[in-house]
Amino acid sequence: MTLRPIKTKKDYQNALLRLEKIFDAKPGSSEGDELEILGILIDTYEKIHYPIEFPDPIEAIKFRMEQLGYNQSDLATVVGLKSRASEILNKKRKLTLEMIRNLHDTLNIPTDVLIQSY
């Protein structure tokens, strides 16, 4: 396959088919190099045409709490008070910069997600 920019859906589909054919290519081989470059081209096309948006900040907090087995009392230790945690989870109180920092450090939620408006 001759490598070229992916400009159309047809180009994208053809690139995916080729990627599937050479997926197990050995690194350093000509097909391995093609696989690496094709992956970069596909990734670039997908970022432009199929962007993935950040989740809602509060939904991200709830999801992470569920993953960690946290409850509202656990969140209260991160944001200050139990009533404050309740207000945040019910979207009645906005996150402060300090809360965002604490949530990022404690729950490992990216700050880019937490700083969005909701």
C-alpha atoms as a PDB file:
ATOM      1  CA  MET A   1       0.000   0.000   0.000  1.00  0.00           C
ATOM      2  CA  THR A   2       1.208   3.478  -0.815  1.00  0.00           C
ATOM      3  CA  LEU A   3       0.905   5.646   2.277  1.00  0.00           C
ATOM      4  CA  ARG A   4      -0.875   8.951   1.854  1.00  0.00           C
ATOM      5  CA  PRO A   5      -3.015  11.230   4.001  1.00  0.00           C
ATOM      6  CA  ILE A   6      -6.473   9.952   4.917  1.00  0.00           C
ATOM      7  CA  LYS A   7      -8.935  12.490   3.524  1.00  0.00           C
ATOM      8  CA  THR A   8     -12.209  10.622   3.000  1.00  0.00           C
ATOM      9  CA  LYS A   9     -14.264   7.929   4.696  1.00  0.00           C
ATOM     10  CA  LYS A  10     -13.265   5.558   1.907  1.00  0.00           C
ATOM     11  CA  ASP A  11      -9.570   6.311   2.545  1.00  0.00           C
ATOM     12  CA  TYR A  12     -10.230   5.689   6.250  1.00  0.00           C
ATOM     13  CA  GLN A  13     -11.955   2.354   5.617  1.00  0.00           C
ATOM     14  CA  ASN A  14      -9.146   1.236   3.303  1.00  0.00           C
ATOM     15  CA  ALA A  15      -6.559   2.232   5.899  1.00  0.00           C
ATOM     16  CA  LEU A  16      -8.379   0.207   8.581  1.00  0.00           C
ATOM     17  CA  LEU A  17      -8.505  -2.830   6.289  1.00  0.00           C
ATOM     18  CA  ARG A  18      -4.788  -2.534   5.563  1.00  0.00           C
ATOM     19  CA  LEU A  19      -4.036  -2.081   9.254  1.00  0.00           C
ATOM     20  CA  GLU A  20      -5.933  -5.271  10.004  1.00  0.00           C
ATOM     21  CA  LYS A  21      -3.913  -7.188   7.379  1.00  0.00           C
ATOM     22  CA  ILE A  22      -0.524  -6.092   8.707  1.00  0.00           C
ATOM     23  CA  PHE A  23      -1.426  -5.896  12.397  1.00  0.00           C
ATOM     24  CA  ASP A  24       1.032  -8.623  13.432  1.00  0.00           C
ATOM     25  CA  ALA A  25       3.963  -7.229  11.437  1.00  0.00           C
ATOM     26  CA  LYS A  26       7.345  -7.415  13.131  1.00  0.00           C
ATOM     27  CA  PRO A  27       8.753  -4.099  14.390  1.00  0.00           C
ATOM     28  CA  GLY A  28      11.548  -2.812  12.180  1.00  0.00           C
ATOM     29  CA  SER A  29      10.328  -4.650   9.080  1.00  0.00           C
ATOM     30  CA  SER A  30       8.927  -2.705   6.124  1.00  0.00           C
ATOM     31  CA  GLU A  31       5.398  -3.812   7.100  1.00  0.00           C
ATOM     32  CA  GLY A  32       6.143  -2.904  10.723  1.00  0.00           C
ATOM     33  CA  ASP A  33       7.127   0.614   9.628  1.00  0.00           C
ATOM     34  CA  GLU A  34       4.001   0.819   7.479  1.00  0.00           C
ATOM     35  CA  LEU A  35       1.908  -0.295  10.454  1.00  0.00           C
ATOM     36  CA  GLU A  36       3.388   2.419  12.647  1.00  0.00           C
ATOM     37  CA  ILE A  37       2.825   5.194  10.101  1.00  0.00           C
ATOM     38  CA  LEU A  38      -0.649   3.932   9.222  1.00  0.00           C
ATOM     39  CA  GLY A  39      -1.545   3.983  12.920  1.00  0.00           C
ATOM     40  CA  ILE A  40      -0.490   7.626  13.147  1.00  0.00           C
ATOM     41  CA  LEU A  41      -2.525   8.543  10.063  1.00  0.00           C
ATOM     42  CA  ILE A  42      -5.613   6.750  11.368  1.00  0.00           C
ATOM     43  CA  ASP A  43      -5.251   8.342  14.804  1.00  0.00           C
ATOM     44  CA  THR A  44      -5.006  11.812  13.267  1.00  0.00           C
ATOM     45  CA  TYR A  45      -8.073  11.240  11.085  1.00  0.00           C
ATOM     46  CA  GLU A  46     -10.094   9.932  14.049  1.00  0.00           C
ATOM     47  CA  LYS A  47      -9.145  12.868  16.283  1.00  0.00           C
ATOM     48  CA  ILE A  48     -10.416  15.287  13.628  1.00  0.00           C
ATOM     49  CA  HIS A  49     -13.549  13.426  12.501  1.00  0.00           C
ATOM     50  CA  TYR A  50     -14.548  11.490  15.624  1.00  0.00           C
ATOM     51  CA  PRO A  51     -13.445  13.585  18.603  1.00  0.00           C
ATOM     52  CA  ILE A  52     -14.189  12.222  22.056  1.00  0.00           C
ATOM     53  CA  GLU A  53     -15.497  14.882  24.401  1.00  0.00           C
ATOM     54  CA  PHE A  54     -14.768  15.013  28.098  1.00  0.00           C
ATOM     55  CA  PRO A  55     -17.453  13.674  30.429  1.00  0.00           C
ATOM     56  CA  ASP A  56     -19.499  15.936  32.677  1.00  0.00           C
ATOM     57  CA  PRO A  57     -17.333  16.772  35.738  1.00  0.00           C
ATOM     58  CA  ILE A  58     -19.892  15.589  38.284  1.00  0.00           C
ATOM     59  CA  GLU A  59     -20.582  12.384  36.364  1.00  0.00           C
ATOM     60  CA  ALA A  60     -16.812  11.785  36.267  1.00  0.00           C
ATOM     61  CA  ILE A  61     -16.657  12.226  40.058  1.00  0.00           C
ATOM     62  CA  LYS A  62     -19.571   9.815  40.579  1.00  0.00           C
ATOM     63  CA  PHE A  63     -18.019   7.272  38.218  1.00  0.00           C
ATOM     64  CA  ARG A  64     -14.641   7.443  39.934  1.00  0.00           C
ATOM     65  CA  MET A  65     -16.289   7.195  43.362  1.00  0.00           C
ATOM     66  CA  GLU A  66     -18.080   4.054  42.217  1.00  0.00           C
ATOM     67  CA  GLN A  67     -14.826   2.576  40.905  1.00  0.00           C
ATOM     68  CA  LEU A  68     -13.086   3.220  44.225  1.00  0.00           C
ATOM     69  CA  GLY A  69     -16.033   2.182  46.393  1.00  0.00           C
ATOM     70  CA  TYR A  70     -16.320   5.701  47.822  1.00  0.00           C
ATOM     71  CA  ASN A  71     -19.500   7.077  49.372  1.00  0.00           C
ATOM     72  CA  GLN A  72     -20.570  10.637  50.079  1.00  0.00           C
ATOM     73  CA  SER A  73     -18.704  10.654  53.400  1.00  0.00           C
ATOM     74  CA  ASP A  74     -15.491   9.717  51.605  1.00  0.00           C
ATOM     75  CA  LEU A  75     -16.050  12.545  49.135  1.00  0.00           C
ATOM     76  CA  ALA A  76     -16.643  14.903  52.060  1.00  0.00           C
ATOM     77  CA  THR A  77     -13.072  14.301  53.232  1.00  0.00           C
ATOM     78  CA  VAL A  78     -11.882  15.498  49.830  1.00  0.00           C
ATOM     79  CA  VAL A  79     -14.134  18.561  49.419  1.00  0.00           C
ATOM     80  CA  GLY A  80     -14.602  19.622  53.028  1.00  0.00           C
ATOM     81  CA  LEU A  81     -18.037  18.883  54.450  1.00  0.00           C
ATOM     82  CA  LYS A  82     -20.677  16.190  53.918  1.00  0.00           C
ATOM     83  CA  SER A  83     -23.273  18.839  53.042  1.00  0.00           C
ATOM     84  CA  ARG A  84     -20.844  20.328  50.505  1.00  0.00           C
ATOM     85  CA  ALA A  85     -20.321  16.892  48.955  1.00  0.00           C
ATOM     86  CA  SER A  86     -24.092  16.504  48.637  1.00  0.00           C
ATOM     87  CA  GLU A  87     -24.445  19.922  47.007  1.00  0.00           C
ATOM     88  CA  ILE A  88     -21.674  19.110  44.539  1.00  0.00           C
ATOM     89  CA  LEU A  89     -23.144  15.727  43.613  1.00  0.00           C
ATOM     90  CA  ASN A  90     -26.543  17.358  43.084  1.00  0.00           C
ATOM     91  CA  LYS A  91     -24.970  20.158  40.999  1.00  0.00           C
ATOM     92  CA  LYS A  92     -26.076  22.841  43.456  1.00  0.00           C
ATOM     93  CA  ARG A  93     -22.536  23.963  44.246  1.00  0.00           C
ATOM     94  CA  LYS A  94     -19.714  24.634  41.812  1.00  0.00           C
ATOM     95  CA  LEU A  95     -16.273  23.168  42.295  1.00  0.00           C
ATOM     96  CA  THR A  96     -13.650  25.564  43.595  1.00  0.00           C
ATOM     97  CA  LEU A  97     -10.054  25.538  42.456  1.00  0.00           C
ATOM     98  CA  GLU A  98      -9.008  23.929  45.738  1.00  0.00           C
ATOM     99  CA  MET A  99     -11.664  21.215  45.352  1.00  0.00           C
ATOM    100  CA  ILE A 100     -10.502  20.537  41.785  1.00  0.00           C
ATOM    101  CA  ARG A 101      -6.926  20.140  42.995  1.00  0.00           C
ATOM    102  CA  ASN A 102      -8.001  17.815  45.813  1.00  0.00           C
ATOM    103  CA  LEU A 103     -10.225  15.743  43.528  1.00  0.00           C
ATOM    104  CA  HIS A 104      -7.409  15.441  41.020  1.00  0.00           C
ATOM    105  CA  ASP A 105      -4.895  14.405  43.680  1.00  0.00           C
ATOM    106  CA  THR A 106      -7.212  12.046  45.568  1.00  0.00           C
ATOM    107  CA  LEU A 107      -9.431  10.540  42.863  1.00  0.00           C
ATOM    108  CA  ASN A 108      -6.957  10.956  40.003  1.00  0.00           C
ATOM    109  CA  ILE A 109      -9.506  12.695  37.766  1.00  0.00           C
ATOM    110  CA  PRO A 110      -7.844  14.846  35.085  1.00  0.00           C
ATOM    111  CA  THR A 111      -8.118  18.552  35.822  1.00  0.00           C
ATOM    112  CA  ASP A 112      -9.241  19.124  32.203  1.00  0.00           C
ATOM    113  CA  VAL A 113     -12.391  17.181  33.047  1.00  0.00           C
ATOM    114  CA  LEU A 114     -13.008  18.915  36.377  1.00  0.00           C
ATOM    115  CA  ILE A 115     -12.637  22.520  35.155  1.00  0.00           C
ATOM    116  CA  GLN A 116     -15.442  22.252  32.590  1.00  0.00           C
ATOM    117  CA  SER A 117     -18.646  24.127  33.219  1.00  0.00           C
ATOM    118  CA  TYR A 118     -21.753  22.150  34.061  1.00  0.00           C
END
